[in-house]
PDB file of N, CA and C in Angstrom:
ATOM      1  N   UNK A   1      -2.588 -17.538 -26.899  1.00  0.00           N
ATOM      2  CA  UNK A   1      -2.415 -17.107 -25.531  1.00  0.00           C
ATOM      3  C   UNK A   1      -1.534 -15.854 -25.549  1.00  0.00           C
ATOM      4  N   UNK A   2      -1.814 -14.930 -24.634  1.00  0.00           N
ATOM      5  CA  UNK A   2      -1.003 -13.715 -24.518  1.00  0.00           C
ATOM      6  C   UNK A   2      -0.521 -13.559 -23.080  1.00  0.00           C
ATOM      7  N   UNK A   3       0.605 -12.870 -22.940  1.00  0.00           N
ATOM      8  CA  UNK A   3       1.124 -12.516 -21.613  1.00  0.00           C
ATOM      9  C   UNK A   3       1.028 -10.998 -21.497  1.00  0.00           C
ATOM     10  N   UNK A   4       0.347 -10.548 -20.467  1.00  0.00           N
ATOM     11  CA  UNK A   4       0.161  -9.122 -20.225  1.00  0.00           C
ATOM     12  C   UNK A   4       0.942  -8.738 -18.977  1.00  0.00           C
ATOM     13  N   UNK A   5       1.728  -7.669 -19.072  1.00  0.00           N
ATOM     14  CA  UNK A   5       2.439  -7.141 -17.902  1.00  0.00           C
ATOM     15  C   UNK A   5       2.034  -5.686 -17.700  1.00  0.00           C
ATOM     16  N   UNK A   6       2.064  -5.265 -16.468  1.00  0.00           N
ATOM     17  CA  UNK A   6       1.681  -3.890 -16.179  1.00  0.00           C
ATOM     18  C   UNK A   6       1.729  -3.597 -14.700  1.00  0.00           C
ATOM     19  N   UNK A   7       1.003  -2.562 -14.326  1.00  0.00           N
ATOM     20  CA  UNK A   7       0.958  -2.116 -12.936  1.00  0.00           C
ATOM     21  C   UNK A   7      -0.498  -1.957 -12.521  1.00  0.00           C
ATOM     22  N   UNK A   8      -0.769  -2.227 -11.266  1.00  0.00           N
ATOM     23  CA  UNK A   8      -2.097  -2.009 -10.708  1.00  0.00           C
ATOM     24  C   UNK A   8      -1.955  -1.161  -9.445  1.00  0.00           C
ATOM     25  N   UNK A   9      -2.821  -0.187  -9.302  1.00  0.00           N
ATOM     26  CA  UNK A   9      -2.844   0.640  -8.097  1.00  0.00           C
ATOM     27  C   UNK A   9      -4.038   0.215  -7.261  1.00  0.00           C
ATOM     28  N   UNK A  10      -3.767  -0.031  -5.990  1.00  0.00           N
ATOM     29  CA  UNK A  10      -4.800  -0.501  -5.073  1.00  0.00           C
ATOM     30  C   UNK A  10      -5.116   0.556  -4.023  1.00  0.00           C
ATOM     31  N   UNK A  11      -6.323   0.515  -3.537  1.00  0.00           N
ATOM     32  CA  UNK A  11      -6.724   1.324  -2.391  1.00  0.00           C
ATOM     33  C   UNK A  11      -7.014   0.347  -1.258  1.00  0.00           C
ATOM     34  N   UNK A  12      -6.352   0.550  -0.120  1.00  0.00           N
ATOM     35  CA  UNK A  12      -6.543  -0.332   1.023  1.00  0.00           C
ATOM     36  C   UNK A  12      -6.922   0.482   2.254  1.00  0.00           C
ATOM     37  N   UNK A  13      -7.661  -0.157   3.133  1.00  0.00           N
ATOM     38  CA  UNK A  13      -7.955   0.423   4.435  1.00  0.00           C
ATOM     39  C   UNK A  13      -7.074  -0.287   5.453  1.00  0.00           C
ATOM     40  N   UNK A  14      -6.521   0.462   6.383  1.00  0.00           N
ATOM     41  CA  UNK A  14      -5.676  -0.149   7.406  1.00  0.00           C
ATOM     42  C   UNK A  14      -6.059   0.390   8.769  1.00  0.00           C
ATOM     43  N   UNK A  15      -5.708  -0.390   9.788  1.00  0.00           N
ATOM     44  CA  UNK A  15      -5.972  -0.021  11.173  1.00  0.00           C
ATOM     45  C   UNK A  15      -4.832  -0.608  11.995  1.00  0.00           C
ATOM     46  N   UNK A  16      -4.011   0.250  12.587  1.00  0.00           N
ATOM     47  CA  UNK A  16      -2.884  -0.215  13.390  1.00  0.00           C
ATOM     48  C   UNK A  16      -2.870   0.524  14.714  1.00  0.00           C
ATOM     49  N   UNK A  17      -2.276  -0.110  15.701  1.00  0.00           N
ATOM     50  CA  UNK A  17      -2.062   0.537  16.993  1.00  0.00           C
ATOM     51  C   UNK A  17      -0.576   0.805  17.140  1.00  0.00           C
ATOM     52  N   UNK A  18      -0.244   2.044  17.478  1.00  0.00           N
ATOM     53  CA  UNK A  18       1.150   2.436  17.645  1.00  0.00           C
ATOM     54  C   UNK A  18       1.419   2.719  19.114  1.00  0.00           C
ATOM     55  N   UNK A  19       2.581   2.319  19.571  1.00  0.00           N
ATOM     56  CA  UNK A  19       2.956   2.520  20.963  1.00  0.00           C
ATOM     57  C   UNK A  19       3.565   3.914  21.129  1.00  0.00           C
ATOM     58  N   UNK A  20       2.723   4.926  20.924  1.00  0.00           N
ATOM     59  CA  UNK A  20       3.133   6.321  21.096  1.00  0.00           C
ATOM     60  C   UNK A  20       1.885   7.170  21.261  1.00  0.00           C
ATOM     61  N   UNK A  21       2.087   8.370  21.733  1.00  0.00           N
ATOM     62  CA  UNK A  21       0.955   9.286  21.911  1.00  0.00           C
ATOM     63  C   UNK A  21       0.689  10.009  20.590  1.00  0.00           C
ATOM     64  N   UNK A  22      -0.476  10.613  20.519  1.00  0.00           N
ATOM     65  CA  UNK A  22      -0.818  11.414  19.342  1.00  0.00           C
ATOM     66  C   UNK A  22       0.184  12.559  19.183  1.00  0.00           C
ATOM     67  N   UNK A  23       0.589  13.150  20.284  1.00  0.00           N
ATOM     68  CA  UNK A  23       1.558  14.246  20.242  1.00  0.00           C
ATOM     69  C   UNK A  23       2.908  13.770  19.684  1.00  0.00           C
ATOM     70  N   UNK A  24       3.348  12.595  20.118  1.00  0.00           N
ATOM     71  CA  UNK A  24       4.607  12.048  19.610  1.00  0.00           C
ATOM     72  C   UNK A  24       4.520  11.777  18.104  1.00  0.00           C
ATOM     73  N   UNK A  25       3.382  11.219  17.687  1.00  0.00           N
ATOM     74  CA  UNK A  25       3.199  10.935  16.263  1.00  0.00           C
ATOM     75  C   UNK A  25       3.185  12.229  15.456  1.00  0.00           C
ATOM     76  N   UNK A  26       2.446  13.220  15.938  1.00  0.00           N
ATOM     77  CA  UNK A  26       2.355  14.503  15.225  1.00  0.00           C
ATOM     78  C   UNK A  26       3.690  15.226  15.149  1.00  0.00           C
ATOM     79  N   UNK A  27       4.580  14.972  16.103  1.00  0.00           N
ATOM     80  CA  UNK A  27       5.875  15.664  16.095  1.00  0.00           C
ATOM     81  C   UNK A  27       6.840  15.065  15.065  1.00  0.00           C
ATOM     82  N   UNK A  28       6.512  13.891  14.536  1.00  0.00           N
ATOM     83  CA  UNK A  28       7.366  13.269  13.524  1.00  0.00           C
ATOM     84  C   UNK A  28       7.170  13.950  12.169  1.00  0.00           C
ATOM     85  N   UNK A  29       8.205  13.911  11.350  1.00  0.00           N
ATOM     86  CA  UNK A  29       8.062  14.415   9.981  1.00  0.00           C
ATOM     87  C   UNK A  29       7.110  13.493   9.220  1.00  0.00           C
ATOM     88  N   UNK A  30       6.565  13.975   8.126  1.00  0.00           N
ATOM     89  CA  UNK A  30       5.654  13.148   7.330  1.00  0.00           C
ATOM     90  C   UNK A  30       6.365  11.883   6.842  1.00  0.00           C
ATOM     91  N   UNK A  31       7.618  12.026   6.477  1.00  0.00           N
ATOM     92  CA  UNK A  31       8.393  10.864   6.015  1.00  0.00           C
ATOM     93  C   UNK A  31       8.526   9.821   7.127  1.00  0.00           C
ATOM     94  N   UNK A  32       8.824  10.273   8.343  1.00  0.00           N
ATOM     95  CA  UNK A  32       8.974   9.355   9.471  1.00  0.00           C
ATOM     96  C   UNK A  32       7.626   8.730   9.851  1.00  0.00           C
ATOM     97  N   UNK A  33       6.540   9.515   9.798  1.00  0.00           N
ATOM     98  CA  UNK A  33       5.210   8.964  10.053  1.00  0.00           C
ATOM     99  C   UNK A  33       4.919   7.832   9.068  1.00  0.00           C
ATOM    100  N   UNK A  34       5.246   8.066   7.793  1.00  0.00           N
ATOM    101  CA  UNK A  34       5.020   7.042   6.777  1.00  0.00           C
ATOM    102  C   UNK A  34       5.855   5.795   7.037  1.00  0.00           C
ATOM    103  N   UNK A  35       7.089   5.974   7.486  1.00  0.00           N
ATOM    104  CA  UNK A  35       7.945   4.827   7.806  1.00  0.00           C
ATOM    105  C   UNK A  35       7.356   4.017   8.964  1.00  0.00           C
ATOM    106  N   UNK A  36       6.890   4.717   9.991  1.00  0.00           N
ATOM    107  CA  UNK A  36       6.302   4.050  11.159  1.00  0.00           C
ATOM    108  C   UNK A  36       5.062   3.267  10.737  1.00  0.00           C
ATOM    109  N   UNK A  37       4.210   3.891   9.936  1.00  0.00           N
ATOM    110  CA  UNK A  37       3.003   3.212   9.475  1.00  0.00           C
ATOM    111  C   UNK A  37       3.341   2.036   8.565  1.00  0.00           C
ATOM    112  N   UNK A  38       4.291   2.235   7.661  1.00  0.00           N
ATOM    113  CA  UNK A  38       4.694   1.168   6.741  1.00  0.00           C
ATOM    114  C   UNK A  38       5.175  -0.057   7.502  1.00  0.00           C
ATOM    115  N   UNK A  39       5.935   0.169   8.564  1.00  0.00           N
ATOM    116  CA  UNK A  39       6.432  -0.940   9.383  1.00  0.00           C
ATOM    117  C   UNK A  39       5.314  -1.630  10.165  1.00  0.00           C
ATOM    118  N   UNK A  40       4.283  -0.885  10.531  1.00  0.00           N
ATOM    119  CA  UNK A  40       3.221  -1.427  11.386  1.00  0.00           C
ATOM    120  C   UNK A  40       2.106  -2.122  10.605  1.00  0.00           C
ATOM    121  N   UNK A  41       1.937  -1.774   9.338  1.00  0.00           N
ATOM    122  CA  UNK A  41       0.833  -2.323   8.547  1.00  0.00           C
ATOM    123  C   UNK A  41       1.184  -3.725   8.060  1.00  0.00           C
ATOM    124  N   UNK A  42       0.267  -4.641   8.214  1.00  0.00           N
ATOM    125  CA  UNK A  42       0.395  -5.992   7.672  1.00  0.00           C
ATOM    126  C   UNK A  42      -0.100  -5.932   6.227  1.00  0.00           C
ATOM    127  N   UNK A  43       0.821  -5.662   5.305  1.00  0.00           N
ATOM    128  CA  UNK A  43       0.454  -5.400   3.918  1.00  0.00           C
ATOM    129  C   UNK A  43      -0.219  -6.586   3.242  1.00  0.00           C
ATOM    130  N   UNK A  44       0.190  -7.785   3.549  1.00  0.00           N
ATOM    131  CA  UNK A  44      -0.445  -8.960   2.935  1.00  0.00           C
ATOM    132  C   UNK A  44      -1.914  -9.016   3.334  1.00  0.00           C
ATOM    133  N   UNK A  45      -2.177  -8.778   4.596  1.00  0.00           N
ATOM    134  CA  UNK A  45      -3.560  -8.838   5.085  1.00  0.00           C
ATOM    135  C   UNK A  45      -4.415  -7.714   4.498  1.00  0.00           C
ATOM    136  N   UNK A  46      -3.938  -6.481   4.516  1.00  0.00           N
ATOM    137  CA  UNK A  46      -4.766  -5.376   4.010  1.00  0.00           C
ATOM    138  C   UNK A  46      -4.977  -5.475   2.506  1.00  0.00           C
ATOM    139  N   UNK A  47      -4.023  -6.052   1.780  1.00  0.00           N
ATOM    140  CA  UNK A  47      -4.173  -6.177   0.329  1.00  0.00           C
ATOM    141  C   UNK A  47      -5.218  -7.228  -0.049  1.00  0.00           C
ATOM    142  N   UNK A  48      -5.508  -8.135   0.846  1.00  0.00           N
ATOM    143  CA  UNK A  48      -6.549  -9.139   0.573  1.00  0.00           C
ATOM    144  C   UNK A  48      -7.911  -8.493   0.348  1.00  0.00           C
ATOM    145  N   UNK A  49      -8.127  -7.357   0.971  1.00  0.00           N
ATOM    146  CA  UNK A  49      -9.414  -6.661   0.848  1.00  0.00           C
ATOM    147  C   UNK A  49      -9.301  -5.359   0.066  1.00  0.00           C
ATOM    148  N   UNK A  50      -8.278  -5.260  -0.768  1.00  0.00           N
ATOM    149  CA  UNK A  50      -8.029  -4.027  -1.508  1.00  0.00           C
ATOM    150  C   UNK A  50      -9.038  -3.820  -2.632  1.00  0.00           C
ATOM    151  N   UNK A  51      -9.259  -2.562  -2.959  1.00  0.00           N
ATOM    152  CA  UNK A  51     -10.043  -2.182  -4.132  1.00  0.00           C
ATOM    153  C   UNK A  51      -9.066  -1.761  -5.222  1.00  0.00           C
ATOM    154  N   UNK A  52      -9.314  -2.184  -6.452  1.00  0.00           N
ATOM    155  CA  UNK A  52      -8.457  -1.786  -7.560  1.00  0.00           C
ATOM    156  C   UNK A  52      -8.814  -0.366  -7.960  1.00  0.00           C
ATOM    157  N   UNK A  53      -7.817   0.503  -7.985  1.00  0.00           N
ATOM    158  CA  UNK A  53      -8.008   1.891  -8.366  1.00  0.00           C
ATOM    159  C   UNK A  53      -7.722   2.092  -9.848  1.00  0.00           C
ATOM    160  N   UNK A  54      -6.696   1.409 -10.343  1.00  0.00           N
ATOM    161  CA  UNK A  54      -6.287   1.619 -11.728  1.00  0.00           C
ATOM    162  C   UNK A  54      -5.445   0.436 -12.182  1.00  0.00           C
ATOM    163  N   UNK A  55      -5.607   0.046 -13.445  1.00  0.00           N
ATOM    164  CA  UNK A  55      -4.775  -1.001 -14.034  1.00  0.00           C
ATOM    165  C   UNK A  55      -4.185  -0.455 -15.326  1.00  0.00           C
ATOM    166  N   UNK A  56      -2.860  -0.483 -15.427  1.00  0.00           N
ATOM    167  CA  UNK A  56      -2.158  -0.047 -16.628  1.00  0.00           C
ATOM    168  C   UNK A  56      -1.516  -1.253 -17.288  1.00  0.00           C
ATOM    169  N   UNK A  57      -1.657  -1.366 -18.612  1.00  0.00           N
ATOM    170  CA  UNK A  57      -1.005  -2.417 -19.377  1.00  0.00           C
ATOM    171  C   UNK A  57       0.258  -1.822 -19.972  1.00  0.00           C
ATOM    172  N   UNK A  58       1.423  -2.396 -19.603  1.00  0.00           N
ATOM    173  CA  UNK A  58       2.700  -1.930 -20.126  1.00  0.00           C
ATOM    174  C   UNK A  58       3.132  -2.679 -21.370  1.00  0.00           C
ATOM    175  N   UNK A  59       2.795  -3.966 -21.440  1.00  0.00           N
ATOM    176  CA  UNK A  59       3.260  -4.774 -22.557  1.00  0.00           C
ATOM    177  C   UNK A  59       2.298  -5.916 -22.792  1.00  0.00           C
ATOM    178  N   UNK A  60       2.211  -6.325 -24.031  1.00  0.00           N
ATOM    179  CA  UNK A  60       1.350  -7.418 -24.435  1.00  0.00           C
ATOM    180  C   UNK A  60       2.135  -8.258 -25.427  1.00  0.00           C
ATOM    181  N   UNK A  61       2.336  -9.560 -25.113  1.00  0.00           N
ATOM    182  CA  UNK A  61       3.141 -10.432 -25.955  1.00  0.00           C
ATOM    183  C   UNK A  61       2.367 -11.713 -26.214  1.00  0.00           C
ATOM    184  N   UNK A  62       2.322 -12.118 -27.468  1.00  0.00           N
ATOM    185  CA  UNK A  62       1.706 -13.403 -27.791  1.00  0.00           C
ATOM    186  C   UNK A  62       2.723 -14.502 -27.522  1.00  0.00           C
ATOM    187  N   UNK A  63       2.280 -15.526 -26.790  1.00  0.00           N
ATOM    188  CA  UNK A  63       3.195 -16.638 -26.461  1.00  0.00           C
ATOM    189  C   UNK A  63       2.706 -17.938 -27.051  1.00  0.00           C
TER     190      UNK A  63
END
């Protein structure tokens, strides 16, 4: 048996409603837009339907 550790990059689709106008959203910095979206996205739900983009193996250990 082996234990593999690493990282996986996922691609997810999200759809959220924000309580602001398009103009208000556009006036935010990119960093603030990302914070607002990060807070609004239900990450557990969107990850259920994620596509794997890349898998990296960092370590492999025989156990």
